[in-house]
Amino acid sequence: MNLSQIDLFAAGAAVLAVWMCGVTRVKTQLRGLLLQTTLLAGICVLLSADEHSVHLAILGLVVFLVKALAIPIFLDRCAKRMGIERDSGANINPTLSLMIGCGTLFLGYFLIPSFAVPEMMNQGAAGMALALIFTGMLIIITRRLAISQVIGFLTIENGIFLYSLTQTRHMPILVEMGIVFEVLMGVLIAGVFIFRINRSFEHIDVTDMRGLRH
C-alpha cells in the first residue's frame, strides 16, 4: 500500500497519541494533544491544496486555533489553578499502557482494508483514525484524573474527525466547524466541573468517587 503525505500526517497523529499513553505529566500530555491536533489541521490544509478548496483551509485554521491552541491552553490553566502536575495512572502502569497503545496502532493498521473507503485516495488514514479512537479509549480507562480523561475524550474526537475528513467528501464544512465549537464548549463545561469537583473534594481522582455510591 502506497502511503500519501496525508496518510503520513495521520500516522504521526496516531503515534503521538500512543506516546501520550506512557506520559504521566499533564503538561506533557497537553503538548502531545497540541501536536496531534496540529497534524490534523495540516491534513485539512493538504486536502485544501489537493481539492482547491478554501473552505477546507478555513476549517484547518479553525481546528488549529480552537482545538490545537485554545483547548490545551485552557486545560493547562485549569491544571495549574488546581495544582495538578502528574497523573500516576490507575491499574496499568505507563510502560504497560504504552505497550498496549502500540498494539492499538498495529490493530488500526491491519484493519485498514476493513474500514477504508476504496474510492478515497488516503486509505491509510482510516486505520490511523481507528488507532486514535482506540488509544483515546485506553487513556480514559487507564487514567485516574478527570483532566486526563478529558484529554482521552479529545483524542477519540480527533479520531472521528480524521475519519470523516479523509474518508468522506460530502459532509458540509459548516457541520465540521459546528462540531469543533461543540467540542470547545464541552471542554469549557468539563473544566468548570473539574474545578468545582476539586474545590468540593480537594482532588479530581475519579476512582475515589466510587464511595459516593454508599
N, C-alpha and C. Protein backbone atom coordinates (compact mmCIF):
# COMPACT_ATOMS: atom_id res chain seq x y z
N MET A 1 0.85 -1.19 0.00
CA MET A 1 0.00 0.00 0.00
C MET A 1 0.88 1.24 0.00
N ASN A 2 0.66 2.14 -0.94
CA ASN A 2 1.40 3.38 -1.01
C ASN A 2 0.78 4.40 -0.07
N LEU A 3 1.62 4.99 0.77
CA LEU A 3 1.14 5.97 1.74
C LEU A 3 1.33 7.37 1.18
N SER A 4 0.27 8.16 1.24
CA SER A 4 0.34 9.55 0.80
C SER A 4 0.86 10.41 1.94
N GLN A 5 1.08 11.68 1.65
CA GLN A 5 1.54 12.60 2.69
C GLN A 5 0.47 12.76 3.77
N ILE A 6 -0.79 12.70 3.35
CA ILE A 6 -1.88 12.79 4.33
C ILE A 6 -1.88 11.57 5.24
N ASP A 7 -1.63 10.39 4.67
CA ASP A 7 -1.53 9.18 5.49
C ASP A 7 -0.40 9.28 6.50
N LEU A 8 0.72 9.88 6.09
CA LEU A 8 1.87 10.03 7.00
C LEU A 8 1.55 11.00 8.13
N PHE A 9 0.84 12.08 7.83
CA PHE A 9 0.40 13.01 8.86
C PHE A 9 -0.52 12.30 9.85
N ALA A 10 -1.44 11.48 9.32
CA ALA A 10 -2.37 10.74 10.17
C ALA A 10 -1.61 9.75 11.06
N ALA A 11 -0.59 9.10 10.48
CA ALA A 11 0.22 8.16 11.26
C ALA A 11 0.97 8.89 12.36
N GLY A 12 1.45 10.09 12.07
CA GLY A 12 2.14 10.89 13.08
C GLY A 12 1.22 11.23 14.24
N ALA A 13 -0.04 11.58 13.93
CA ALA A 13 -1.01 11.89 14.98
C ALA A 13 -1.29 10.66 15.84
N ALA A 14 -1.39 9.49 15.20
CA ALA A 14 -1.65 8.25 15.95
C ALA A 14 -0.46 7.88 16.83
N VAL A 15 0.76 8.06 16.32
CA VAL A 15 1.96 7.76 17.11
C VAL A 15 2.04 8.69 18.32
N LEU A 16 1.71 9.95 18.15
CA LEU A 16 1.70 10.90 19.27
C LEU A 16 0.69 10.47 20.33
N ALA A 17 -0.47 9.99 19.89
CA ALA A 17 -1.48 9.53 20.85
C ALA A 17 -0.97 8.34 21.64
N VAL A 18 -0.29 7.42 20.96
CA VAL A 18 0.29 6.27 21.65
C VAL A 18 1.36 6.72 22.64
N TRP A 19 2.19 7.65 22.23
CA TRP A 19 3.22 8.20 23.13
C TRP A 19 2.59 8.80 24.39
N MET A 20 1.44 9.44 24.24
CA MET A 20 0.76 10.04 25.39
C MET A 20 0.33 8.99 26.41
N CYS A 21 0.16 7.75 25.98
CA CYS A 21 -0.22 6.69 26.92
C CYS A 21 0.87 6.44 27.95
N GLY A 22 2.11 6.69 27.60
CA GLY A 22 3.22 6.46 28.52
C GLY A 22 3.65 7.69 29.28
N VAL A 23 2.90 8.78 29.14
CA VAL A 23 3.25 10.05 29.78
C VAL A 23 2.35 10.29 30.99
N THR A 24 2.92 10.71 32.09
CA THR A 24 2.12 10.99 33.29
C THR A 24 2.00 12.47 33.60
N ARG A 25 2.92 13.29 33.13
CA ARG A 25 2.82 14.73 33.37
C ARG A 25 1.70 15.31 32.51
N VAL A 26 0.79 16.02 33.15
CA VAL A 26 -0.37 16.58 32.46
C VAL A 26 0.07 17.58 31.40
N LYS A 27 1.05 18.41 31.72
CA LYS A 27 1.52 19.42 30.77
C LYS A 27 2.08 18.76 29.51
N THR A 28 2.80 17.65 29.68
CA THR A 28 3.35 16.94 28.53
C THR A 28 2.25 16.28 27.71
N GLN A 29 1.24 15.76 28.39
CA GLN A 29 0.09 15.20 27.68
C GLN A 29 -0.58 16.26 26.82
N LEU A 30 -0.72 17.46 27.36
CA LEU A 30 -1.35 18.54 26.62
C LEU A 30 -0.51 18.97 25.42
N ARG A 31 0.80 18.91 25.57
CA ARG A 31 1.67 19.22 24.42
C ARG A 31 1.50 18.16 23.33
N GLY A 32 1.38 16.90 23.76
CA GLY A 32 1.13 15.85 22.78
C GLY A 32 -0.19 16.05 22.06
N LEU A 33 -1.23 16.47 22.81
CA LEU A 33 -2.53 16.75 22.20
C LEU A 33 -2.42 17.91 21.22
N LEU A 34 -1.66 18.93 21.59
CA LEU A 34 -1.46 20.09 20.70
C LEU A 34 -0.82 19.66 19.38
N LEU A 35 0.26 18.88 19.47
CA LEU A 35 0.94 18.44 18.25
C LEU A 35 0.06 17.51 17.42
N GLN A 36 -0.66 16.62 18.12
CA GLN A 36 -1.56 15.68 17.44
C GLN A 36 -2.62 16.43 16.63
N THR A 37 -3.22 17.44 17.26
CA THR A 37 -4.28 18.19 16.59
C THR A 37 -3.72 19.10 15.51
N THR A 38 -2.49 19.59 15.70
CA THR A 38 -1.86 20.40 14.67
C THR A 38 -1.66 19.59 13.38
N LEU A 39 -1.32 18.31 13.52
CA LEU A 39 -1.18 17.45 12.34
C LEU A 39 -2.53 17.28 11.63
N LEU A 40 -3.61 17.21 12.39
CA LEU A 40 -4.93 17.12 11.76
C LEU A 40 -5.27 18.40 11.02
N ALA A 41 -4.89 19.54 11.61
CA ALA A 41 -5.07 20.81 10.90
C ALA A 41 -4.24 20.83 9.62
N GLY A 42 -3.03 20.25 9.69
CA GLY A 42 -2.19 20.15 8.49
C GLY A 42 -2.84 19.30 7.41
N ILE A 43 -3.54 18.24 7.82
CA ILE A 43 -4.26 17.40 6.84
C ILE A 43 -5.33 18.21 6.14
N CYS A 44 -6.02 19.08 6.89
CA CYS A 44 -7.02 19.96 6.27
C CYS A 44 -6.38 20.84 5.20
N VAL A 45 -5.20 21.36 5.50
CA VAL A 45 -4.50 22.22 4.54
C VAL A 45 -4.07 21.43 3.31
N LEU A 46 -3.56 20.21 3.52
CA LEU A 46 -3.16 19.37 2.38
C LEU A 46 -4.35 19.03 1.50
N LEU A 47 -5.48 18.68 2.12
CA LEU A 47 -6.69 18.40 1.34
C LEU A 47 -7.17 19.64 0.61
N SER A 48 -7.02 20.79 1.25
CA SER A 48 -7.41 22.05 0.61
C SER A 48 -6.58 22.30 -0.65
N ALA A 49 -5.28 22.00 -0.57
CA ALA A 49 -4.42 22.19 -1.74
C ALA A 49 -4.75 21.19 -2.84
N ASP A 50 -5.08 19.94 -2.46
CA ASP A 50 -5.40 18.92 -3.46
C ASP A 50 -6.73 19.22 -4.16
N GLU A 51 -7.70 19.72 -3.41
CA GLU A 51 -9.04 19.92 -3.95
C GLU A 51 -9.33 21.38 -4.29
N HIS A 52 -8.34 22.26 -4.07
CA HIS A 52 -8.51 23.69 -4.34
C HIS A 52 -9.75 24.22 -3.61
N SER A 53 -9.84 23.88 -2.33
CA SER A 53 -10.99 24.27 -1.52
C SER A 53 -10.57 25.25 -0.44
N VAL A 54 -11.11 26.46 -0.52
CA VAL A 54 -10.83 27.47 0.51
C VAL A 54 -11.48 27.06 1.83
N HIS A 55 -12.65 26.40 1.75
CA HIS A 55 -13.37 26.02 2.96
C HIS A 55 -12.54 25.07 3.83
N LEU A 56 -11.84 24.14 3.19
CA LEU A 56 -11.01 23.21 3.96
C LEU A 56 -9.84 23.94 4.62
N ALA A 57 -9.30 24.95 3.95
CA ALA A 57 -8.23 25.74 4.56
C ALA A 57 -8.74 26.50 5.78
N ILE A 58 -9.94 27.03 5.67
CA ILE A 58 -10.55 27.74 6.80
C ILE A 58 -10.80 26.76 7.95
N LEU A 59 -11.27 25.55 7.60
CA LEU A 59 -11.50 24.53 8.62
C LEU A 59 -10.19 24.19 9.34
N GLY A 60 -9.10 24.05 8.58
CA GLY A 60 -7.80 23.77 9.18
C GLY A 60 -7.37 24.86 10.14
N LEU A 61 -7.61 26.12 9.76
CA LEU A 61 -7.26 27.25 10.63
C LEU A 61 -8.07 27.22 11.91
N VAL A 62 -9.38 26.93 11.78
CA VAL A 62 -10.26 26.87 12.96
C VAL A 62 -9.83 25.73 13.88
N VAL A 63 -9.52 24.57 13.30
CA VAL A 63 -9.08 23.42 14.10
C VAL A 63 -7.80 23.76 14.85
N PHE A 64 -6.86 24.45 14.18
CA PHE A 64 -5.60 24.80 14.82
C PHE A 64 -5.82 25.79 15.96
N LEU A 65 -6.61 26.83 15.71
CA LEU A 65 -6.80 27.86 16.72
C LEU A 65 -7.61 27.37 17.92
N VAL A 66 -8.66 26.58 17.64
CA VAL A 66 -9.57 26.16 18.70
C VAL A 66 -9.08 24.90 19.41
N LYS A 67 -8.84 23.84 18.62
CA LYS A 67 -8.54 22.54 19.22
C LYS A 67 -7.06 22.35 19.55
N ALA A 68 -6.17 22.97 18.75
CA ALA A 68 -4.74 22.78 18.98
C ALA A 68 -4.17 23.81 19.95
N LEU A 69 -4.77 25.00 20.01
CA LEU A 69 -4.24 26.05 20.88
C LEU A 69 -5.15 26.37 22.06
N ALA A 70 -6.40 26.78 21.77
CA ALA A 70 -7.28 27.27 22.84
C ALA A 70 -7.58 26.20 23.89
N ILE A 71 -7.95 24.99 23.45
CA ILE A 71 -8.33 23.95 24.40
C ILE A 71 -7.15 23.50 25.26
N PRO A 72 -5.98 23.15 24.69
CA PRO A 72 -4.84 22.79 25.56
C PRO A 72 -4.43 23.90 26.52
N ILE A 73 -4.45 25.16 26.06
CA ILE A 73 -4.09 26.27 26.95
C ILE A 73 -5.09 26.38 28.10
N PHE A 74 -6.38 26.22 27.79
CA PHE A 74 -7.41 26.27 28.83
C PHE A 74 -7.22 25.16 29.85
N LEU A 75 -7.00 23.94 29.37
CA LEU A 75 -6.81 22.81 30.28
C LEU A 75 -5.53 22.96 31.10
N ASP A 76 -4.49 23.51 30.49
CA ASP A 76 -3.24 23.74 31.22
C ASP A 76 -3.46 24.74 32.35
N ARG A 77 -4.22 25.78 32.09
CA ARG A 77 -4.50 26.76 33.14
C ARG A 77 -5.35 26.15 34.25
N CYS A 78 -6.30 25.28 33.87
CA CYS A 78 -7.10 24.58 34.88
C CYS A 78 -6.20 23.73 35.77
N ALA A 79 -5.26 23.01 35.14
CA ALA A 79 -4.35 22.16 35.91
C ALA A 79 -3.48 22.98 36.85
N LYS A 80 -3.01 24.15 36.39
CA LYS A 80 -2.18 24.99 37.24
C LYS A 80 -2.98 25.55 38.41
N ARG A 81 -4.22 25.95 38.18
CA ARG A 81 -5.04 26.50 39.26
C ARG A 81 -5.33 25.46 40.32
N MET A 82 -5.40 24.19 39.91
CA MET A 82 -5.69 23.11 40.86
C MET A 82 -4.42 22.45 41.39
N GLY A 83 -3.26 22.93 40.95
CA GLY A 83 -2.00 22.38 41.43
C GLY A 83 -1.73 20.97 40.96
N ILE A 84 -2.19 20.64 39.75
CA ILE A 84 -2.01 19.29 39.22
C ILE A 84 -0.79 19.27 38.30
N GLU A 85 0.12 18.37 38.55
CA GLU A 85 1.30 18.23 37.69
C GLU A 85 1.40 16.86 37.04
N ARG A 86 0.94 15.83 37.74
CA ARG A 86 1.17 14.47 37.25
C ARG A 86 -0.04 13.58 37.54
N ASP A 87 -0.31 12.67 36.59
CA ASP A 87 -1.33 11.64 36.77
C ASP A 87 -0.61 10.30 36.86
N SER A 88 -0.66 9.70 38.04
CA SER A 88 0.11 8.47 38.26
C SER A 88 -0.49 7.27 37.55
N GLY A 89 -1.68 7.41 36.99
CA GLY A 89 -2.32 6.30 36.30
C GLY A 89 -3.14 5.45 37.25
N ALA A 90 -3.95 4.57 36.70
CA ALA A 90 -4.83 3.74 37.52
C ALA A 90 -4.22 2.36 37.71
N ASN A 91 -4.86 1.34 37.16
CA ASN A 91 -4.43 -0.03 37.40
C ASN A 91 -3.29 -0.47 36.48
N ILE A 92 -2.99 0.30 35.44
CA ILE A 92 -1.95 -0.06 34.48
C ILE A 92 -0.85 0.97 34.54
N ASN A 93 0.38 0.53 34.72
CA ASN A 93 1.49 1.49 34.77
C ASN A 93 1.76 2.04 33.38
N PRO A 94 2.41 3.21 33.30
CA PRO A 94 2.61 3.87 32.00
C PRO A 94 3.32 3.00 30.97
N THR A 95 4.30 2.19 31.39
CA THR A 95 5.03 1.35 30.43
C THR A 95 4.11 0.33 29.77
N LEU A 96 3.30 -0.34 30.59
CA LEU A 96 2.36 -1.32 30.05
C LEU A 96 1.30 -0.64 29.19
N SER A 97 0.85 0.54 29.64
CA SER A 97 -0.12 1.30 28.85
C SER A 97 0.45 1.68 27.49
N LEU A 98 1.75 2.03 27.47
CA LEU A 98 2.41 2.37 26.20
C LEU A 98 2.47 1.16 25.28
N MET A 99 2.75 -0.01 25.84
CA MET A 99 2.81 -1.23 25.04
C MET A 99 1.44 -1.57 24.46
N ILE A 100 0.40 -1.40 25.27
CA ILE A 100 -0.96 -1.65 24.77
C ILE A 100 -1.30 -0.64 23.68
N GLY A 101 -0.85 0.61 23.87
CA GLY A 101 -1.08 1.64 22.86
C GLY A 101 -0.43 1.27 21.53
N CYS A 102 0.78 0.71 21.60
CA CYS A 102 1.44 0.24 20.37
C CYS A 102 0.60 -0.85 19.70
N GLY A 103 -0.02 -1.69 20.52
CA GLY A 103 -0.90 -2.73 19.98
C GLY A 103 -2.09 -2.14 19.25
N THR A 104 -2.67 -1.06 19.79
CA THR A 104 -3.80 -0.42 19.11
C THR A 104 -3.36 0.19 17.79
N LEU A 105 -2.10 0.67 17.73
CA LEU A 105 -1.58 1.24 16.49
C LEU A 105 -1.47 0.17 15.41
N PHE A 106 -0.93 -1.00 15.76
CA PHE A 106 -0.83 -2.10 14.81
C PHE A 106 -2.22 -2.62 14.43
N LEU A 107 -3.13 -2.64 15.40
CA LEU A 107 -4.50 -3.09 15.11
C LEU A 107 -5.16 -2.18 14.09
N GLY A 108 -4.99 -0.87 14.28
CA GLY A 108 -5.55 0.08 13.32
C GLY A 108 -4.98 -0.11 11.93
N TYR A 109 -3.66 -0.42 11.85
CA TYR A 109 -3.02 -0.63 10.55
C TYR A 109 -3.58 -1.87 9.85
N PHE A 110 -3.76 -2.96 10.60
CA PHE A 110 -4.24 -4.20 9.99
C PHE A 110 -5.74 -4.14 9.65
N LEU A 111 -6.46 -3.21 10.27
CA LEU A 111 -7.90 -3.08 9.98
C LEU A 111 -8.19 -2.12 8.84
N ILE A 112 -7.13 -1.56 8.24
CA ILE A 112 -7.34 -0.61 7.14
C ILE A 112 -8.21 -1.18 6.03
N PRO A 113 -7.98 -2.42 5.55
CA PRO A 113 -8.81 -2.93 4.46
C PRO A 113 -10.30 -3.05 4.82
N SER A 114 -10.60 -3.21 6.11
CA SER A 114 -11.99 -3.38 6.53
C SER A 114 -12.73 -2.07 6.67
N PHE A 115 -12.03 -0.98 6.98
CA PHE A 115 -12.69 0.28 7.30
C PHE A 115 -12.40 1.39 6.30
N ALA A 116 -11.40 1.23 5.45
CA ALA A 116 -11.09 2.28 4.47
C ALA A 116 -12.13 2.28 3.35
N VAL A 117 -12.40 3.45 2.84
CA VAL A 117 -13.31 3.59 1.70
C VAL A 117 -12.49 3.46 0.43
N PRO A 118 -12.76 2.44 -0.41
CA PRO A 118 -11.90 2.18 -1.59
C PRO A 118 -11.77 3.36 -2.52
N GLU A 119 -12.82 4.19 -2.62
CA GLU A 119 -12.79 5.30 -3.56
C GLU A 119 -11.88 6.44 -3.10
N MET A 120 -11.55 6.46 -1.82
CA MET A 120 -10.73 7.54 -1.29
C MET A 120 -9.25 7.25 -1.53
N MET A 121 -8.47 8.30 -1.73
CA MET A 121 -7.04 8.14 -2.01
C MET A 121 -6.22 7.90 -0.74
N ASN A 122 -6.75 8.30 0.40
CA ASN A 122 -5.99 8.23 1.66
C ASN A 122 -6.54 7.14 2.56
N GLN A 123 -6.39 5.90 2.12
CA GLN A 123 -6.98 4.79 2.86
C GLN A 123 -6.23 4.51 4.16
N GLY A 124 -4.92 4.79 4.18
CA GLY A 124 -4.15 4.55 5.39
C GLY A 124 -4.64 5.38 6.56
N ALA A 125 -5.20 6.56 6.27
CA ALA A 125 -5.69 7.44 7.34
C ALA A 125 -6.86 6.81 8.08
N ALA A 126 -7.60 5.91 7.42
CA ALA A 126 -8.73 5.26 8.08
C ALA A 126 -8.26 4.40 9.25
N GLY A 127 -7.19 3.64 9.04
CA GLY A 127 -6.65 2.82 10.12
C GLY A 127 -6.08 3.66 11.24
N MET A 128 -5.43 4.77 10.89
CA MET A 128 -4.88 5.64 11.93
C MET A 128 -5.99 6.33 12.72
N ALA A 129 -7.12 6.61 12.06
CA ALA A 129 -8.27 7.17 12.78
C ALA A 129 -8.79 6.17 13.81
N LEU A 130 -8.85 4.89 13.43
CA LEU A 130 -9.25 3.86 14.38
C LEU A 130 -8.26 3.76 15.53
N ALA A 131 -6.97 3.86 15.22
CA ALA A 131 -5.94 3.81 16.27
C ALA A 131 -6.12 4.97 17.25
N LEU A 132 -6.46 6.15 16.74
CA LEU A 132 -6.71 7.30 17.61
C LEU A 132 -7.90 7.03 18.53
N ILE A 133 -8.95 6.46 17.98
CA ILE A 133 -10.14 6.18 18.79
C ILE A 133 -9.82 5.16 19.88
N PHE A 134 -9.13 4.07 19.49
CA PHE A 134 -8.77 3.04 20.47
C PHE A 134 -7.84 3.60 21.55
N THR A 135 -6.89 4.42 21.14
CA THR A 135 -5.93 4.98 22.09
C THR A 135 -6.62 5.94 23.05
N GLY A 136 -7.55 6.75 22.53
CA GLY A 136 -8.31 7.64 23.40
C GLY A 136 -9.09 6.88 24.45
N MET A 137 -9.70 5.75 24.04
CA MET A 137 -10.41 4.90 25.00
C MET A 137 -9.45 4.36 26.05
N LEU A 138 -8.25 3.97 25.61
CA LEU A 138 -7.25 3.44 26.54
C LEU A 138 -6.85 4.50 27.57
N ILE A 139 -6.67 5.74 27.12
CA ILE A 139 -6.32 6.83 28.05
C ILE A 139 -7.43 7.03 29.07
N ILE A 140 -8.68 7.00 28.62
CA ILE A 140 -9.81 7.19 29.53
C ILE A 140 -9.85 6.08 30.57
N ILE A 141 -9.59 4.84 30.15
CA ILE A 141 -9.69 3.69 31.04
C ILE A 141 -8.55 3.68 32.06
N THR A 142 -7.35 4.06 31.62
CA THR A 142 -6.16 3.88 32.46
C THR A 142 -5.78 5.10 33.28
N ARG A 143 -6.47 6.21 33.15
CA ARG A 143 -6.11 7.42 33.88
C ARG A 143 -7.08 7.67 35.03
N ARG A 144 -6.56 8.25 36.10
CA ARG A 144 -7.37 8.48 37.29
C ARG A 144 -7.91 9.90 37.37
N LEU A 145 -7.17 10.87 36.84
CA LEU A 145 -7.59 12.25 36.94
C LEU A 145 -8.60 12.60 35.86
N ALA A 146 -9.59 13.40 36.25
CA ALA A 146 -10.64 13.79 35.31
C ALA A 146 -10.07 14.56 34.13
N ILE A 147 -9.04 15.38 34.36
CA ILE A 147 -8.48 16.19 33.28
C ILE A 147 -7.79 15.30 32.25
N SER A 148 -7.18 14.19 32.70
CA SER A 148 -6.57 13.25 31.76
C SER A 148 -7.64 12.53 30.95
N GLN A 149 -8.78 12.26 31.57
CA GLN A 149 -9.86 11.61 30.84
C GLN A 149 -10.47 12.54 29.80
N VAL A 150 -10.47 13.84 30.08
CA VAL A 150 -10.89 14.82 29.06
C VAL A 150 -9.94 14.77 27.87
N ILE A 151 -8.64 14.63 28.13
CA ILE A 151 -7.65 14.50 27.05
C ILE A 151 -7.93 13.24 26.23
N GLY A 152 -8.30 12.15 26.91
CA GLY A 152 -8.66 10.92 26.20
C GLY A 152 -9.88 11.12 25.32
N PHE A 153 -10.87 11.84 25.84
CA PHE A 153 -12.07 12.15 25.04
C PHE A 153 -11.71 12.95 23.80
N LEU A 154 -10.82 13.93 23.95
CA LEU A 154 -10.41 14.76 22.81
C LEU A 154 -9.65 13.93 21.78
N THR A 155 -8.90 12.93 22.24
CA THR A 155 -8.19 12.04 21.30
C THR A 155 -9.19 11.21 20.51
N ILE A 156 -10.23 10.72 21.17
CA ILE A 156 -11.29 9.98 20.46
C ILE A 156 -11.94 10.88 19.42
N GLU A 157 -12.24 12.12 19.81
CA GLU A 157 -12.88 13.05 18.88
C GLU A 157 -11.97 13.34 17.70
N ASN A 158 -10.66 13.41 17.93
CA ASN A 158 -9.71 13.62 16.83
C ASN A 158 -9.75 12.44 15.85
N GLY A 159 -9.90 11.22 16.39
CA GLY A 159 -10.00 10.05 15.52
C GLY A 159 -11.25 10.09 14.65
N ILE A 160 -12.38 10.46 15.26
CA ILE A 160 -13.63 10.58 14.49
C ILE A 160 -13.51 11.67 13.43
N PHE A 161 -12.90 12.80 13.82
CA PHE A 161 -12.71 13.90 12.88
C PHE A 161 -11.81 13.49 11.72
N LEU A 162 -10.73 12.76 12.02
CA LEU A 162 -9.81 12.31 10.97
C LEU A 162 -10.51 11.38 9.99
N TYR A 163 -11.32 10.46 10.51
CA TYR A 163 -12.01 9.52 9.62
C TYR A 163 -13.00 10.27 8.71
N SER A 164 -13.79 11.15 9.29
CA SER A 164 -14.77 11.88 8.48
C SER A 164 -14.09 12.79 7.46
N LEU A 165 -12.91 13.30 7.83
CA LEU A 165 -12.20 14.22 6.94
C LEU A 165 -11.60 13.51 5.74
N THR A 166 -11.06 12.31 5.96
CA THR A 166 -10.31 11.63 4.90
C THR A 166 -11.11 10.55 4.16
N GLN A 167 -12.22 10.10 4.73
CA GLN A 167 -12.98 9.02 4.11
C GLN A 167 -14.32 9.46 3.56
N THR A 168 -14.67 10.72 3.73
CA THR A 168 -15.91 11.25 3.15
C THR A 168 -15.58 12.55 2.42
N ARG A 169 -16.43 12.88 1.48
CA ARG A 169 -16.24 14.13 0.74
C ARG A 169 -17.54 14.94 0.68
N HIS A 170 -18.55 14.48 1.39
CA HIS A 170 -19.85 15.13 1.25
C HIS A 170 -20.37 15.74 2.54
N MET A 171 -19.58 15.66 3.62
CA MET A 171 -20.01 16.29 4.87
C MET A 171 -19.78 17.80 4.76
N PRO A 172 -20.81 18.62 4.98
CA PRO A 172 -20.64 20.07 4.85
C PRO A 172 -19.58 20.60 5.81
N ILE A 173 -18.80 21.56 5.33
CA ILE A 173 -17.75 22.14 6.16
C ILE A 173 -18.35 22.83 7.39
N LEU A 174 -19.53 23.44 7.25
CA LEU A 174 -20.15 24.10 8.39
C LEU A 174 -20.49 23.11 9.49
N VAL A 175 -20.83 21.87 9.11
CA VAL A 175 -21.10 20.84 10.12
C VAL A 175 -19.82 20.52 10.88
N GLU A 176 -18.70 20.38 10.14
CA GLU A 176 -17.42 20.12 10.77
C GLU A 176 -17.06 21.24 11.75
N MET A 177 -17.24 22.48 11.33
CA MET A 177 -16.92 23.61 12.20
C MET A 177 -17.83 23.63 13.42
N GLY A 178 -19.10 23.28 13.22
CA GLY A 178 -20.03 23.21 14.34
C GLY A 178 -19.57 22.19 15.36
N ILE A 179 -19.06 21.04 14.88
CA ILE A 179 -18.56 20.01 15.79
C ILE A 179 -17.36 20.52 16.57
N VAL A 180 -16.47 21.26 15.90
CA VAL A 180 -15.29 21.81 16.57
C VAL A 180 -15.70 22.71 17.72
N PHE A 181 -16.67 23.60 17.48
CA PHE A 181 -17.08 24.52 18.53
C PHE A 181 -17.89 23.82 19.62
N GLU A 182 -18.61 22.75 19.26
CA GLU A 182 -19.29 21.96 20.28
C GLU A 182 -18.27 21.29 21.21
N VAL A 183 -17.18 20.80 20.62
CA VAL A 183 -16.12 20.21 21.44
C VAL A 183 -15.53 21.27 22.36
N LEU A 184 -15.31 22.48 21.85
CA LEU A 184 -14.79 23.57 22.67
C LEU A 184 -15.71 23.84 23.85
N MET A 185 -17.01 23.94 23.60
CA MET A 185 -17.96 24.20 24.68
C MET A 185 -17.97 23.04 25.68
N GLY A 186 -17.87 21.81 25.17
CA GLY A 186 -17.84 20.65 26.06
C GLY A 186 -16.63 20.68 26.98
N VAL A 187 -15.48 21.07 26.43
CA VAL A 187 -14.26 21.15 27.24
C VAL A 187 -14.38 22.26 28.27
N LEU A 188 -14.94 23.40 27.88
CA LEU A 188 -15.12 24.50 28.83
C LEU A 188 -16.02 24.08 29.99
N ILE A 189 -17.11 23.39 29.67
CA ILE A 189 -18.01 22.92 30.71
C ILE A 189 -17.32 21.88 31.60
N ALA A 190 -16.56 20.97 30.95
CA ALA A 190 -15.83 19.96 31.72
C ALA A 190 -14.82 20.62 32.65
N GLY A 191 -14.16 21.68 32.16
CA GLY A 191 -13.19 22.39 33.00
C GLY A 191 -13.84 23.01 34.22
N VAL A 192 -15.02 23.59 34.03
CA VAL A 192 -15.76 24.17 35.16
C VAL A 192 -16.12 23.10 36.18
N PHE A 193 -16.62 21.95 35.69
CA PHE A 193 -17.00 20.87 36.60
C PHE A 193 -15.78 20.30 37.32
N ILE A 194 -14.67 20.15 36.62
CA ILE A 194 -13.46 19.64 37.25
C ILE A 194 -13.01 20.57 38.36
N PHE A 195 -13.06 21.88 38.09
CA PHE A 195 -12.66 22.85 39.10
C PHE A 195 -13.58 22.79 40.31
N ARG A 196 -14.89 22.65 40.06
CA ARG A 196 -15.84 22.56 41.16
C ARG A 196 -15.64 21.29 41.97
N ILE A 197 -15.38 20.18 41.27
CA ILE A 197 -15.13 18.91 41.97
C ILE A 197 -13.88 19.03 42.84
N ASN A 198 -12.86 19.69 42.29
CA ASN A 198 -11.62 19.85 43.04
C ASN A 198 -11.84 20.67 44.31
N ARG A 199 -12.68 21.70 44.21
CA ARG A 199 -12.95 22.53 45.38
C ARG A 199 -13.78 21.79 46.41
N SER A 200 -14.68 20.91 45.96
CA SER A 200 -15.57 20.21 46.88
C SER A 200 -14.88 19.02 47.54
N PHE A 201 -14.06 18.27 46.74
CA PHE A 201 -13.45 17.04 47.24
C PHE A 201 -11.94 17.17 47.47
N GLU A 202 -11.36 18.33 47.10
CA GLU A 202 -9.93 18.59 47.23
C GLU A 202 -9.08 17.68 46.36
N HIS A 203 -9.67 17.05 45.36
CA HIS A 203 -8.93 16.26 44.38
C HIS A 203 -9.87 16.00 43.21
N ILE A 204 -9.32 15.50 42.11
CA ILE A 204 -10.16 15.14 40.96
C ILE A 204 -9.86 13.71 40.55
N ASP A 205 -9.51 12.87 41.52
CA ASP A 205 -9.28 11.45 41.27
C ASP A 205 -10.63 10.76 41.18
N VAL A 206 -11.02 10.35 39.98
CA VAL A 206 -12.37 9.82 39.78
C VAL A 206 -12.56 8.47 40.46
N THR A 207 -11.47 7.74 40.72
CA THR A 207 -11.63 6.42 41.36
C THR A 207 -12.09 6.56 42.80
N ASP A 208 -11.75 7.66 43.46
CA ASP A 208 -12.16 7.84 44.85
C ASP A 208 -13.62 8.24 44.97
N MET A 209 -14.27 8.56 43.85
CA MET A 209 -15.67 8.96 43.90
C MET A 209 -16.61 7.77 43.94
N ARG A 210 -16.06 6.56 43.88
CA ARG A 210 -16.91 5.38 43.98
C ARG A 210 -17.60 5.31 45.34
N GLY A 211 -16.99 5.94 46.34
CA GLY A 211 -17.58 5.93 47.66
C GLY A 211 -18.92 6.65 47.72
N LEU A 212 -19.20 7.48 46.72
CA LEU A 212 -20.48 8.19 46.69
C LEU A 212 -21.66 7.25 46.53
N ARG A 213 -21.40 6.02 46.06
CA ARG A 213 -22.49 5.06 45.89
C ARG A 213 -23.05 4.62 47.22
N HIS A 214 -22.23 4.72 48.27
CA HIS A 214 -22.65 4.23 49.58
C HIS A 214 -23.32 5.37 50.33
